[in-house]
Amino acid sequence: MHGILRTFTLLITLLFVTSGLASEGKIYKWRDKEGKLHFSDKPPKDNSIDVEEQKVDTSKLTVTSMPRSQRQTPLTDGQCQTAIDNLKNTEPLYRGELVEKLAKKEITDEQFAEGLAKLDDLKRITRPDNCKKAEPESRSLLNCIAENKDARSCIK
């Protein structure tokens, strides 16, 4: 899974680098002899491998966020506790940021409510009984929160 995410990250980076050079890019997709999936701007050197050419219109490409790495193993008790502690420290900062943005009319009432709902969801998944059995996408978020004392960058 990590290899695919790294490949995807490389692919997106490649597309950004080459977007100024051409409005249409070519990406090659193939599986090697071990069955590993590859994406590249150049076809493999081994001509016996079946290659699919993927055309990408880089002028229309927009990336809003990169996927987080999804750690597949459950969090430990210590990681869960650190995530809980970091979320407790981050909550007033995030809430204050939302209030400030609402006051400056940088966000709508709906966006404010969504931000508060996001905090409620995070508090639910960081409870010890939920943290250790979280789904992979939630584990990724919980790991981010556990690794950052100010976890606002994980929440957005």
N, C-alpha and C. Protein backbone atom coordinates (compact mmCIF):
# COMPACT_ATOMS: atom_id res chain seq x y z
N MET A 1 0.82 -1.19 0.00
CA MET A 1 0.00 0.00 0.00
C MET A 1 0.87 1.26 0.00
N HIS A 2 1.95 1.22 0.80
CA HIS A 2 2.82 2.40 0.87
C HIS A 2 3.48 2.66 -0.48
N GLY A 3 3.82 1.61 -1.22
CA GLY A 3 4.45 1.76 -2.53
C GLY A 3 3.52 2.45 -3.51
N ILE A 4 2.24 2.11 -3.45
CA ILE A 4 1.26 2.74 -4.35
C ILE A 4 1.12 4.20 -4.00
N LEU A 5 1.08 4.54 -2.68
CA LEU A 5 0.96 5.94 -2.28
C LEU A 5 2.19 6.73 -2.69
N ARG A 6 3.37 6.11 -2.54
CA ARG A 6 4.60 6.80 -2.98
C ARG A 6 4.58 7.00 -4.48
N THR A 7 4.12 5.97 -5.21
CA THR A 7 4.03 6.08 -6.66
C THR A 7 3.06 7.17 -7.05
N PHE A 8 1.91 7.22 -6.36
CA PHE A 8 0.91 8.25 -6.64
C PHE A 8 1.50 9.64 -6.38
N THR A 9 2.20 9.80 -5.25
CA THR A 9 2.82 11.07 -4.92
C THR A 9 3.84 11.47 -5.99
N LEU A 10 4.64 10.50 -6.41
CA LEU A 10 5.62 10.75 -7.47
C LEU A 10 4.92 11.15 -8.76
N LEU A 11 3.84 10.46 -9.08
CA LEU A 11 3.09 10.76 -10.29
C LEU A 11 2.56 12.19 -10.27
N ILE A 12 1.96 12.59 -9.16
CA ILE A 12 1.41 13.94 -9.06
C ILE A 12 2.52 14.98 -9.13
N THR A 13 3.63 14.72 -8.45
CA THR A 13 4.77 15.64 -8.50
C THR A 13 5.28 15.76 -9.93
N LEU A 14 5.39 14.64 -10.59
CA LEU A 14 5.84 14.63 -11.98
C LEU A 14 4.89 15.45 -12.85
N LEU A 15 3.61 15.30 -12.62
CA LEU A 15 2.64 16.04 -13.42
C LEU A 15 2.76 17.55 -13.20
N PHE A 16 3.02 17.96 -11.95
CA PHE A 16 3.19 19.38 -11.68
C PHE A 16 4.45 19.93 -12.35
N VAL A 17 5.52 19.16 -12.29
CA VAL A 17 6.78 19.60 -12.88
C VAL A 17 6.65 19.74 -14.38
N THR A 18 5.99 18.82 -15.01
CA THR A 18 5.88 18.84 -16.46
C THR A 18 4.70 19.67 -16.97
N SER A 19 3.83 20.14 -16.08
CA SER A 19 2.64 20.87 -16.53
C SER A 19 2.99 22.15 -17.28
N GLY A 20 4.10 22.77 -16.93
CA GLY A 20 4.50 23.97 -17.64
C GLY A 20 5.09 23.67 -19.01
N LEU A 21 5.50 22.44 -19.24
CA LEU A 21 6.15 22.08 -20.49
C LEU A 21 5.17 21.66 -21.57
N ALA A 22 4.06 21.06 -21.19
CA ALA A 22 3.10 20.58 -22.17
C ALA A 22 1.72 20.52 -21.55
N SER A 23 0.70 20.67 -22.39
CA SER A 23 -0.65 20.61 -21.85
C SER A 23 -1.16 19.17 -21.79
N GLU A 24 -0.49 18.26 -22.47
CA GLU A 24 -0.88 16.85 -22.40
C GLU A 24 0.34 16.02 -22.08
N GLY A 25 0.23 15.21 -21.06
CA GLY A 25 1.33 14.36 -20.67
C GLY A 25 0.98 12.91 -20.90
N LYS A 26 1.99 12.09 -20.97
CA LYS A 26 1.78 10.65 -21.12
C LYS A 26 2.32 9.97 -19.88
N ILE A 27 1.52 9.11 -19.34
CA ILE A 27 1.92 8.31 -18.20
C ILE A 27 1.75 6.85 -18.61
N TYR A 28 2.72 6.04 -18.29
CA TYR A 28 2.69 4.63 -18.64
C TYR A 28 2.38 3.81 -17.39
N LYS A 29 1.50 2.85 -17.55
CA LYS A 29 1.07 1.99 -16.45
C LYS A 29 1.36 0.54 -16.84
N TRP A 30 2.00 -0.21 -15.92
CA TRP A 30 2.28 -1.61 -16.18
C TRP A 30 2.52 -2.35 -14.88
N ARG A 31 2.47 -3.66 -14.97
CA ARG A 31 2.80 -4.54 -13.85
C ARG A 31 4.09 -5.26 -14.21
N ASP A 32 5.01 -5.30 -13.25
CA ASP A 32 6.26 -6.02 -13.51
C ASP A 32 6.03 -7.52 -13.33
N LYS A 33 7.09 -8.30 -13.48
CA LYS A 33 6.98 -9.76 -13.42
C LYS A 33 6.53 -10.26 -12.05
N GLU A 34 6.75 -9.46 -11.00
CA GLU A 34 6.31 -9.83 -9.65
C GLU A 34 4.88 -9.36 -9.38
N GLY A 35 4.27 -8.67 -10.35
CA GLY A 35 2.89 -8.21 -10.18
C GLY A 35 2.76 -6.83 -9.57
N LYS A 36 3.87 -6.14 -9.35
CA LYS A 36 3.84 -4.81 -8.76
C LYS A 36 3.42 -3.79 -9.82
N LEU A 37 2.47 -2.91 -9.45
CA LEU A 37 1.96 -1.90 -10.35
C LEU A 37 2.90 -0.70 -10.40
N HIS A 38 3.19 -0.21 -11.62
CA HIS A 38 4.08 0.93 -11.80
C HIS A 38 3.40 2.00 -12.64
N PHE A 39 3.73 3.28 -12.36
CA PHE A 39 3.33 4.42 -13.17
C PHE A 39 4.61 5.22 -13.42
N SER A 40 4.80 5.66 -14.66
CA SER A 40 6.01 6.42 -14.97
C SER A 40 5.76 7.27 -16.21
N ASP A 41 6.61 8.28 -16.39
CA ASP A 41 6.53 9.09 -17.61
C ASP A 41 7.28 8.42 -18.76
N LYS A 42 7.97 7.31 -18.46
CA LYS A 42 8.69 6.55 -19.48
C LYS A 42 8.25 5.10 -19.42
N PRO A 43 8.10 4.44 -20.56
CA PRO A 43 7.72 3.02 -20.54
C PRO A 43 8.87 2.18 -19.98
N PRO A 44 8.57 0.96 -19.53
CA PRO A 44 9.64 0.11 -19.01
C PRO A 44 10.61 -0.28 -20.12
N LYS A 45 11.83 -0.57 -19.75
CA LYS A 45 12.85 -0.96 -20.73
C LYS A 45 12.59 -2.34 -21.29
N ASP A 46 11.92 -3.18 -20.50
CA ASP A 46 11.59 -4.54 -20.93
C ASP A 46 10.39 -4.49 -21.88
N ASN A 47 10.64 -4.70 -23.17
CA ASN A 47 9.59 -4.61 -24.18
C ASN A 47 8.58 -5.75 -24.12
N SER A 48 8.86 -6.78 -23.34
CA SER A 48 7.92 -7.91 -23.26
C SER A 48 6.77 -7.63 -22.28
N ILE A 49 6.88 -6.53 -21.53
CA ILE A 49 5.84 -6.17 -20.55
C ILE A 49 4.72 -5.41 -21.24
N ASP A 50 3.48 -5.79 -20.94
CA ASP A 50 2.30 -5.13 -21.49
C ASP A 50 2.14 -3.76 -20.81
N VAL A 51 2.14 -2.68 -21.61
CA VAL A 51 2.09 -1.32 -21.09
C VAL A 51 0.82 -0.63 -21.57
N GLU A 52 0.17 0.09 -20.65
CA GLU A 52 -0.99 0.92 -21.00
C GLU A 52 -0.55 2.37 -20.97
N GLU A 53 -0.85 3.11 -22.02
CA GLU A 53 -0.53 4.53 -22.04
C GLU A 53 -1.72 5.30 -21.49
N GLN A 54 -1.45 6.13 -20.49
CA GLN A 54 -2.48 6.95 -19.85
C GLN A 54 -2.23 8.39 -20.29
N LYS A 55 -3.19 8.98 -20.98
CA LYS A 55 -3.03 10.38 -21.38
C LYS A 55 -3.60 11.27 -20.28
N VAL A 56 -2.84 12.28 -19.92
CA VAL A 56 -3.24 13.18 -18.85
C VAL A 56 -3.19 14.60 -19.37
N ASP A 57 -4.30 15.31 -19.28
CA ASP A 57 -4.35 16.72 -19.65
C ASP A 57 -3.96 17.51 -18.41
N THR A 58 -2.68 17.86 -18.31
CA THR A 58 -2.17 18.50 -17.11
C THR A 58 -2.69 19.93 -16.94
N SER A 59 -3.22 20.52 -17.98
CA SER A 59 -3.75 21.88 -17.83
C SER A 59 -5.04 21.88 -17.01
N LYS A 60 -5.68 20.71 -16.89
CA LYS A 60 -6.93 20.63 -16.13
C LYS A 60 -6.74 19.90 -14.81
N LEU A 61 -5.52 19.59 -14.45
CA LEU A 61 -5.24 18.84 -13.24
C LEU A 61 -5.26 19.75 -12.03
N THR A 62 -6.02 19.36 -11.02
CA THR A 62 -6.06 20.09 -9.76
C THR A 62 -5.94 19.09 -8.63
N VAL A 63 -5.01 19.34 -7.73
CA VAL A 63 -4.87 18.48 -6.57
C VAL A 63 -5.17 19.32 -5.35
N THR A 64 -6.17 18.91 -4.59
CA THR A 64 -6.53 19.68 -3.41
C THR A 64 -5.84 19.16 -2.16
N SER A 65 -5.56 17.88 -2.12
CA SER A 65 -4.81 17.32 -1.00
C SER A 65 -4.22 15.99 -1.41
N MET A 66 -3.15 15.64 -0.74
CA MET A 66 -2.51 14.36 -1.01
C MET A 66 -3.04 13.34 -0.01
N PRO A 67 -3.14 12.10 -0.42
CA PRO A 67 -3.63 11.09 0.53
C PRO A 67 -2.63 10.88 1.65
N ARG A 68 -3.17 10.64 2.82
CA ARG A 68 -2.30 10.33 3.95
C ARG A 68 -1.92 8.86 3.88
N SER A 69 -0.73 8.56 4.36
CA SER A 69 -0.33 7.17 4.46
C SER A 69 -1.25 6.47 5.45
N GLN A 70 -1.69 5.28 5.12
CA GLN A 70 -2.61 4.56 5.99
C GLN A 70 -1.87 3.44 6.70
N ARG A 71 -1.58 3.66 7.97
CA ARG A 71 -0.92 2.64 8.77
C ARG A 71 -1.94 1.54 9.04
N GLN A 72 -1.60 0.31 8.72
CA GLN A 72 -2.55 -0.79 8.81
C GLN A 72 -2.64 -1.43 10.19
N THR A 73 -1.66 -1.22 11.05
CA THR A 73 -1.71 -1.84 12.36
C THR A 73 -2.47 -0.94 13.32
N PRO A 74 -3.23 -1.53 14.25
CA PRO A 74 -3.96 -0.73 15.24
C PRO A 74 -2.99 0.09 16.08
N LEU A 75 -3.47 1.21 16.59
CA LEU A 75 -2.66 2.05 17.45
C LEU A 75 -2.48 1.39 18.81
N THR A 76 -1.35 1.65 19.43
CA THR A 76 -1.10 1.14 20.77
C THR A 76 -1.84 1.99 21.79
N ASP A 77 -1.92 1.51 23.02
CA ASP A 77 -2.54 2.30 24.09
C ASP A 77 -1.85 3.65 24.23
N GLY A 78 -0.51 3.64 24.15
CA GLY A 78 0.26 4.88 24.28
C GLY A 78 -0.04 5.86 23.15
N GLN A 79 -0.12 5.35 21.92
CA GLN A 79 -0.44 6.22 20.78
C GLN A 79 -1.84 6.80 20.92
N CYS A 80 -2.78 5.97 21.36
CA CYS A 80 -4.15 6.45 21.56
C CYS A 80 -4.18 7.54 22.62
N GLN A 81 -3.47 7.33 23.72
CA GLN A 81 -3.47 8.33 24.79
C GLN A 81 -2.83 9.63 24.32
N THR A 82 -1.75 9.53 23.54
CA THR A 82 -1.11 10.73 23.01
C THR A 82 -2.05 11.46 22.06
N ALA A 83 -2.78 10.72 21.23
CA ALA A 83 -3.76 11.35 20.32
C ALA A 83 -4.84 12.06 21.12
N ILE A 84 -5.32 11.42 22.19
CA ILE A 84 -6.35 12.03 23.05
C ILE A 84 -5.82 13.32 23.67
N ASP A 85 -4.61 13.26 24.22
CA ASP A 85 -4.00 14.45 24.85
C ASP A 85 -3.78 15.57 23.84
N ASN A 86 -3.25 15.21 22.66
CA ASN A 86 -2.99 16.23 21.64
C ASN A 86 -4.28 16.85 21.13
N LEU A 87 -5.34 16.05 21.00
CA LEU A 87 -6.62 16.60 20.55
C LEU A 87 -7.19 17.55 21.61
N LYS A 88 -7.03 17.20 22.89
CA LYS A 88 -7.49 18.09 23.97
C LYS A 88 -6.77 19.43 23.91
N ASN A 89 -5.47 19.40 23.60
CA ASN A 89 -4.70 20.64 23.49
C ASN A 89 -5.05 21.42 22.22
N THR A 90 -5.37 20.70 21.15
CA THR A 90 -5.63 21.32 19.86
C THR A 90 -7.04 21.87 19.76
N GLU A 91 -7.99 21.24 20.44
CA GLU A 91 -9.41 21.62 20.30
C GLU A 91 -9.65 23.11 20.52
N PRO A 92 -9.16 23.72 21.62
CA PRO A 92 -9.43 25.16 21.78
C PRO A 92 -8.77 26.02 20.70
N LEU A 93 -7.62 25.59 20.21
CA LEU A 93 -6.95 26.33 19.14
C LEU A 93 -7.77 26.29 17.85
N TYR A 94 -8.23 25.08 17.51
CA TYR A 94 -9.02 24.89 16.29
C TYR A 94 -10.36 25.62 16.40
N ARG A 95 -11.00 25.47 17.56
CA ARG A 95 -12.29 26.14 17.78
C ARG A 95 -12.12 27.66 17.69
N GLY A 96 -11.06 28.18 18.30
CA GLY A 96 -10.79 29.62 18.26
C GLY A 96 -10.52 30.10 16.83
N GLU A 97 -9.82 29.29 16.07
CA GLU A 97 -9.55 29.60 14.67
C GLU A 97 -10.87 29.68 13.88
N LEU A 98 -11.77 28.74 14.15
CA LEU A 98 -13.08 28.76 13.48
C LEU A 98 -13.87 30.02 13.84
N VAL A 99 -13.89 30.35 15.14
CA VAL A 99 -14.64 31.53 15.59
C VAL A 99 -14.07 32.79 14.94
N GLU A 100 -12.75 32.89 14.88
CA GLU A 100 -12.10 34.06 14.27
C GLU A 100 -12.42 34.17 12.79
N LYS A 101 -12.38 33.04 12.08
CA LYS A 101 -12.69 33.05 10.65
C LYS A 101 -14.15 33.41 10.41
N LEU A 102 -15.04 32.93 11.28
CA LEU A 102 -16.46 33.27 11.14
C LEU A 102 -16.67 34.76 11.38
N ALA A 103 -16.02 35.30 12.40
CA ALA A 103 -16.15 36.72 12.71
C ALA A 103 -15.64 37.60 11.56
N LYS A 104 -14.59 37.15 10.90
CA LYS A 104 -14.04 37.90 9.76
C LYS A 104 -14.77 37.58 8.46
N LYS A 105 -15.78 36.72 8.55
CA LYS A 105 -16.57 36.28 7.39
C LYS A 105 -15.71 35.58 6.34
N GLU A 106 -14.67 34.89 6.82
CA GLU A 106 -13.83 34.08 5.93
C GLU A 106 -14.46 32.72 5.68
N ILE A 107 -15.38 32.32 6.57
CA ILE A 107 -16.12 31.08 6.40
C ILE A 107 -17.60 31.36 6.65
N THR A 108 -18.44 30.49 6.13
CA THR A 108 -19.89 30.63 6.32
C THR A 108 -20.31 29.95 7.63
N ASP A 109 -21.56 30.19 8.01
CA ASP A 109 -22.11 29.51 9.18
C ASP A 109 -22.06 27.99 8.99
N GLU A 110 -22.33 27.56 7.76
CA GLU A 110 -22.31 26.13 7.46
C GLU A 110 -20.92 25.55 7.64
N GLN A 111 -19.90 26.26 7.14
CA GLN A 111 -18.52 25.80 7.29
C GLN A 111 -18.11 25.77 8.77
N PHE A 112 -18.60 26.74 9.53
CA PHE A 112 -18.33 26.77 10.96
C PHE A 112 -18.93 25.53 11.63
N ALA A 113 -20.18 25.24 11.30
CA ALA A 113 -20.86 24.06 11.86
C ALA A 113 -20.14 22.77 11.45
N GLU A 114 -19.68 22.71 10.19
CA GLU A 114 -18.94 21.52 9.73
C GLU A 114 -17.65 21.35 10.52
N GLY A 115 -16.97 22.45 10.80
CA GLY A 115 -15.74 22.39 11.59
C GLY A 115 -15.99 21.88 13.00
N LEU A 116 -17.09 22.34 13.62
CA LEU A 116 -17.44 21.86 14.96
C LEU A 116 -17.83 20.39 14.93
N ALA A 117 -18.55 19.98 13.88
CA ALA A 117 -18.94 18.57 13.73
C ALA A 117 -17.71 17.70 13.56
N LYS A 118 -16.70 18.21 12.84
CA LYS A 118 -15.46 17.48 12.65
C LYS A 118 -14.77 17.23 14.00
N LEU A 119 -14.78 18.26 14.86
CA LEU A 119 -14.21 18.09 16.20
C LEU A 119 -14.96 17.02 17.00
N ASP A 120 -16.29 17.04 16.91
CA ASP A 120 -17.08 16.03 17.62
C ASP A 120 -16.74 14.63 17.13
N ASP A 121 -16.60 14.47 15.81
CA ASP A 121 -16.21 13.17 15.25
C ASP A 121 -14.84 12.74 15.76
N LEU A 122 -13.93 13.68 15.81
CA LEU A 122 -12.57 13.36 16.28
C LEU A 122 -12.59 12.95 17.74
N LYS A 123 -13.38 13.63 18.55
CA LYS A 123 -13.47 13.25 19.96
C LYS A 123 -14.05 11.85 20.10
N ARG A 124 -14.99 11.49 19.21
CA ARG A 124 -15.60 10.16 19.26
C ARG A 124 -14.57 9.09 18.89
N ILE A 125 -13.81 9.30 17.81
CA ILE A 125 -12.86 8.26 17.39
C ILE A 125 -11.62 8.21 18.27
N THR A 126 -11.34 9.27 19.03
CA THR A 126 -10.16 9.22 19.91
C THR A 126 -10.48 8.64 21.28
N ARG A 127 -11.73 8.28 21.55
CA ARG A 127 -12.03 7.61 22.82
C ARG A 127 -11.25 6.29 22.82
N PRO A 128 -10.71 5.90 23.97
CA PRO A 128 -9.86 4.69 24.02
C PRO A 128 -10.52 3.45 23.43
N ASP A 129 -11.82 3.27 23.65
CA ASP A 129 -12.48 2.07 23.13
C ASP A 129 -12.62 2.11 21.61
N ASN A 130 -12.63 3.29 21.01
CA ASN A 130 -12.73 3.41 19.55
C ASN A 130 -11.36 3.51 18.88
N CYS A 131 -10.42 4.12 19.55
CA CYS A 131 -9.10 4.39 18.97
C CYS A 131 -8.40 3.12 18.53
N LYS A 132 -8.38 2.12 19.37
CA LYS A 132 -7.62 0.90 19.07
C LYS A 132 -8.24 0.06 17.98
N LYS A 133 -9.54 0.25 17.69
CA LYS A 133 -10.18 -0.55 16.64
C LYS A 133 -10.63 0.32 15.46
N ALA A 134 -9.96 1.45 15.28
CA ALA A 134 -10.31 2.39 14.22
C ALA A 134 -10.03 1.80 12.83
N GLU A 135 -10.82 2.23 11.87
CA GLU A 135 -10.63 1.84 10.47
C GLU A 135 -9.34 2.46 9.95
N PRO A 136 -8.77 1.95 8.84
CA PRO A 136 -7.50 2.47 8.33
C PRO A 136 -7.48 3.99 8.10
N GLU A 137 -8.53 4.56 7.52
CA GLU A 137 -8.52 6.02 7.28
C GLU A 137 -8.49 6.78 8.60
N SER A 138 -9.22 6.28 9.59
CA SER A 138 -9.20 6.92 10.91
C SER A 138 -7.87 6.71 11.60
N ARG A 139 -7.24 5.55 11.40
CA ARG A 139 -5.92 5.30 11.98
C ARG A 139 -4.90 6.31 11.48
N SER A 140 -4.99 6.60 10.21
CA SER A 140 -4.08 7.56 9.62
C SER A 140 -4.24 8.92 10.29
N LEU A 141 -5.48 9.34 10.47
CA LEU A 141 -5.77 10.61 11.14
C LEU A 141 -5.32 10.57 12.59
N LEU A 142 -5.60 9.48 13.28
CA LEU A 142 -5.20 9.34 14.67
C LEU A 142 -3.67 9.36 14.81
N ASN A 143 -2.97 8.72 13.89
CA ASN A 143 -1.50 8.77 13.91
C ASN A 143 -1.01 10.20 13.73
N CYS A 144 -1.63 10.93 12.82
CA CYS A 144 -1.25 12.33 12.60
C CYS A 144 -1.45 13.14 13.89
N ILE A 145 -2.59 12.95 14.53
CA ILE A 145 -2.88 13.68 15.77
C ILE A 145 -1.89 13.27 16.88
N ALA A 146 -1.59 11.97 16.96
CA ALA A 146 -0.65 11.50 17.98
C ALA A 146 0.75 12.06 17.77
N GLU A 147 1.10 12.35 16.52
CA GLU A 147 2.45 12.82 16.20
C GLU A 147 2.59 14.33 16.24
N ASN A 148 1.48 15.06 16.44
CA ASN A 148 1.52 16.53 16.40
C ASN A 148 0.81 17.12 17.61
N LYS A 149 1.56 17.80 18.50
CA LYS A 149 0.94 18.42 19.67
C LYS A 149 -0.11 19.44 19.25
N ASP A 150 0.18 20.21 18.23
CA ASP A 150 -0.82 21.11 17.64
C ASP A 150 -1.28 20.40 16.37
N ALA A 151 -2.38 19.69 16.47
CA ALA A 151 -2.83 18.81 15.38
C ALA A 151 -3.80 19.47 14.42
N ARG A 152 -3.81 20.81 14.38
CA ARG A 152 -4.74 21.49 13.47
C ARG A 152 -4.48 21.11 12.01
N SER A 153 -3.24 20.85 11.64
CA SER A 153 -2.95 20.47 10.25
C SER A 153 -3.54 19.10 9.91
N CYS A 154 -3.79 18.28 10.92
CA CYS A 154 -4.38 16.95 10.68
C CYS A 154 -5.89 17.06 10.47
N ILE A 155 -6.50 18.05 11.07
CA ILE A 155 -7.95 18.17 11.07
C ILE A 155 -8.47 18.75 9.77
N LYS A 156 -7.73 19.62 9.16
CA LYS A 156 -8.21 20.34 7.98
C LYS A 156 -8.32 19.47 6.76
